[in-house]
Amino acid sequence: MYPILDLRTRLKIAWHLREHGFSVRMHSFEYLVGDGKRFVAIILVDPSGRAEVIKLSPKAQLVAELVRTAAPEAEVRIVE
C-alpha cells in the first residue's frame, strides 16, 4: 500500500501554494507558509492522508482550500 500523501503530492501542494503567491518552506511533512510579510499557517501532513493547517492569520482558510485543491484525496482540517 502506498501513502496517500507521497513526496510527489507533497511537492504538488507546495507548488500550488507558491503559484497562488505564498512563500513556502517545506521540510518533510511540515510546511511554513507566509505571505511575504508574516507567517499565515503551518501545515502538518501525515502520509496516511491527513493534513492539519494551523491558523496563524485569516489567510489560513485560503491555504486550507489550496491544499484541498492540490490534494483532493487528503482530509484537511484547520486548527485554531
C-alpha atoms as a PDB file:
ATOM      1  CA  MET A   1       0.000   0.000   0.000  1.00  0.00           C
ATOM      2  CA  TYR A   2       1.355   3.419  -0.979  1.00  0.00           C
ATOM      3  CA  PRO A   3       0.923   6.511   1.166  1.00  0.00           C
ATOM      4  CA  ILE A   4      -1.774   8.930   0.042  1.00  0.00           C
ATOM      5  CA  LEU A   5       0.446  11.954   0.606  1.00  0.00           C
ATOM      6  CA  ASP A   6       3.616  10.732  -1.049  1.00  0.00           C
ATOM      7  CA  LEU A   7       6.511  13.007  -1.987  1.00  0.00           C
ATOM      8  CA  ARG A   8       5.036  13.907  -5.370  1.00  0.00           C
ATOM      9  CA  THR A   9       1.750  15.011  -3.792  1.00  0.00           C
ATOM     10  CA  ARG A  10       3.528  16.949  -1.044  1.00  0.00           C
ATOM     11  CA  LEU A  11       5.599  18.796  -3.658  1.00  0.00           C
ATOM     12  CA  LYS A  12       2.412  19.494  -5.618  1.00  0.00           C
ATOM     13  CA  ILE A  13       0.921  21.134  -2.507  1.00  0.00           C
ATOM     14  CA  ALA A  14       3.999  23.360  -2.109  1.00  0.00           C
ATOM     15  CA  TRP A  15       3.992  24.420  -5.769  1.00  0.00           C
ATOM     16  CA  HIS A  16       0.247  25.070  -5.741  1.00  0.00           C
ATOM     17  CA  LEU A  17       0.645  27.395  -2.748  1.00  0.00           C
ATOM     18  CA  ARG A  18       3.558  29.178  -4.441  1.00  0.00           C
ATOM     19  CA  GLU A  19       1.542  29.622  -7.649  1.00  0.00           C
ATOM     20  CA  HIS A  20      -1.026  31.495  -5.559  1.00  0.00           C
ATOM     21  CA  GLY A  21       1.522  33.934  -4.133  1.00  0.00           C
ATOM     22  CA  PHE A  22       2.504  32.276  -0.872  1.00  0.00           C
ATOM     23  CA  SER A  23       6.075  31.680   0.199  1.00  0.00           C
ATOM     24  CA  VAL A  24       6.541  28.085   1.319  1.00  0.00           C
ATOM     25  CA  ARG A  25       9.288  26.387   3.289  1.00  0.00           C
ATOM     26  CA  MET A  26       8.745  22.632   3.133  1.00  0.00           C
ATOM     27  CA  HIS A  27      10.556  20.272   5.472  1.00  0.00           C
ATOM     28  CA  SER A  28       9.489  16.653   5.011  1.00  0.00           C
ATOM     29  CA  PHE A  29       5.926  16.640   6.399  1.00  0.00           C
ATOM     30  CA  GLU A  30       5.781  20.268   7.572  1.00  0.00           C
ATOM     31  CA  TYR A  31       5.228  23.484   5.671  1.00  0.00           C
ATOM     32  CA  LEU A  32       5.756  27.033   6.869  1.00  0.00           C
ATOM     33  CA  VAL A  33       3.510  29.268   4.770  1.00  0.00           C
ATOM     34  CA  GLY A  34       3.911  33.042   4.550  1.00  0.00           C
ATOM     35  CA  ASP A  35       2.521  35.920   2.538  1.00  0.00           C
ATOM     36  CA  GLY A  36       5.781  37.871   2.224  1.00  0.00           C
ATOM     37  CA  LYS A  37       5.196  39.822   5.435  1.00  0.00           C
ATOM     38  CA  ARG A  38       4.452  37.163   8.049  1.00  0.00           C
ATOM     39  CA  PHE A  39       3.623  33.521   8.565  1.00  0.00           C
ATOM     40  CA  VAL A  40      -0.017  32.738   7.830  1.00  0.00           C
ATOM     41  CA  ALA A  41      -0.120  28.989   8.536  1.00  0.00           C
ATOM     42  CA  ILE A  42       1.816  25.895   9.446  1.00  0.00           C
ATOM     43  CA  ILE A  43       0.746  22.710   7.682  1.00  0.00           C
ATOM     44  CA  LEU A  44       1.427  19.306   9.214  1.00  0.00           C
ATOM     45  CA  VAL A  45       0.749  16.347   6.924  1.00  0.00           C
ATOM     46  CA  ASP A  46       0.599  12.642   7.589  1.00  0.00           C
ATOM     47  CA  PRO A  47       1.350  10.088   4.847  1.00  0.00           C
ATOM     48  CA  SER A  48      -1.996   8.412   5.563  1.00  0.00           C
ATOM     49  CA  GLY A  49      -3.813  11.417   4.113  1.00  0.00           C
ATOM     50  CA  ARG A  50      -4.424  13.858   6.947  1.00  0.00           C
ATOM     51  CA  ALA A  51      -3.340  17.494   6.811  1.00  0.00           C
ATOM     52  CA  GLU A  52      -3.734  19.967   9.654  1.00  0.00           C
ATOM     53  CA  VAL A  53      -3.494  23.661   8.864  1.00  0.00           C
ATOM     54  CA  ILE A  54      -2.547  25.595  11.982  1.00  0.00           C
ATOM     55  CA  LYS A  55      -4.126  29.020  11.655  1.00  0.00           C
ATOM     56  CA  LEU A  56      -1.804  31.961  12.261  1.00  0.00           C
ATOM     57  CA  SER A  57      -3.849  34.511  10.294  1.00  0.00           C
ATOM     58  CA  PRO A  58      -7.184  34.701   8.443  1.00  0.00           C
ATOM     59  CA  LYS A  59      -5.380  33.685   5.231  1.00  0.00           C
ATOM     60  CA  ALA A  60      -5.078  30.161   6.651  1.00  0.00           C
ATOM     61  CA  GLN A  61      -8.574  29.439   5.298  1.00  0.00           C
ATOM     62  CA  LEU A  62      -7.323  30.072   1.755  1.00  0.00           C
ATOM     63  CA  VAL A  63      -4.267  27.919   2.458  1.00  0.00           C
ATOM     64  CA  ALA A  64      -6.546  25.045   3.517  1.00  0.00           C
ATOM     65  CA  GLU A  65      -8.622  25.410   0.345  1.00  0.00           C
ATOM     66  CA  LEU A  66      -5.481  25.341  -1.798  1.00  0.00           C
ATOM     67  CA  VAL A  67      -4.299  22.175  -0.034  1.00  0.00           C
ATOM     68  CA  ARG A  68      -7.701  20.582  -0.741  1.00  0.00           C
ATOM     69  CA  THR A  69      -7.383  21.562  -4.406  1.00  0.00           C
ATOM     70  CA  ALA A  70      -3.827  20.226  -4.758  1.00  0.00           C
ATOM     71  CA  ALA A  71      -4.566  17.006  -2.846  1.00  0.00           C
ATOM     72  CA  PRO A  72      -8.305  16.259  -3.040  1.00  0.00           C
ATOM     73  CA  GLU A  73      -7.774  12.824  -1.500  1.00  0.00           C
ATOM     74  CA  ALA A  74      -6.443  14.405   1.728  1.00  0.00           C
ATOM     75  CA  GLU A  75      -8.512  15.050   4.831  1.00  0.00           C
ATOM     76  CA  VAL A  76      -7.781  18.725   5.610  1.00  0.00           C
ATOM     77  CA  ARG A  77      -8.592  20.287   8.966  1.00  0.00           C
ATOM     78  CA  ILE A  78      -7.991  23.806  10.286  1.00  0.00           C
ATOM     79  CA  VAL A  79      -6.668  24.091  13.841  1.00  0.00           C
ATOM     80  CA  GLU A  80      -7.221  27.448  15.538  1.00  0.00           C
END
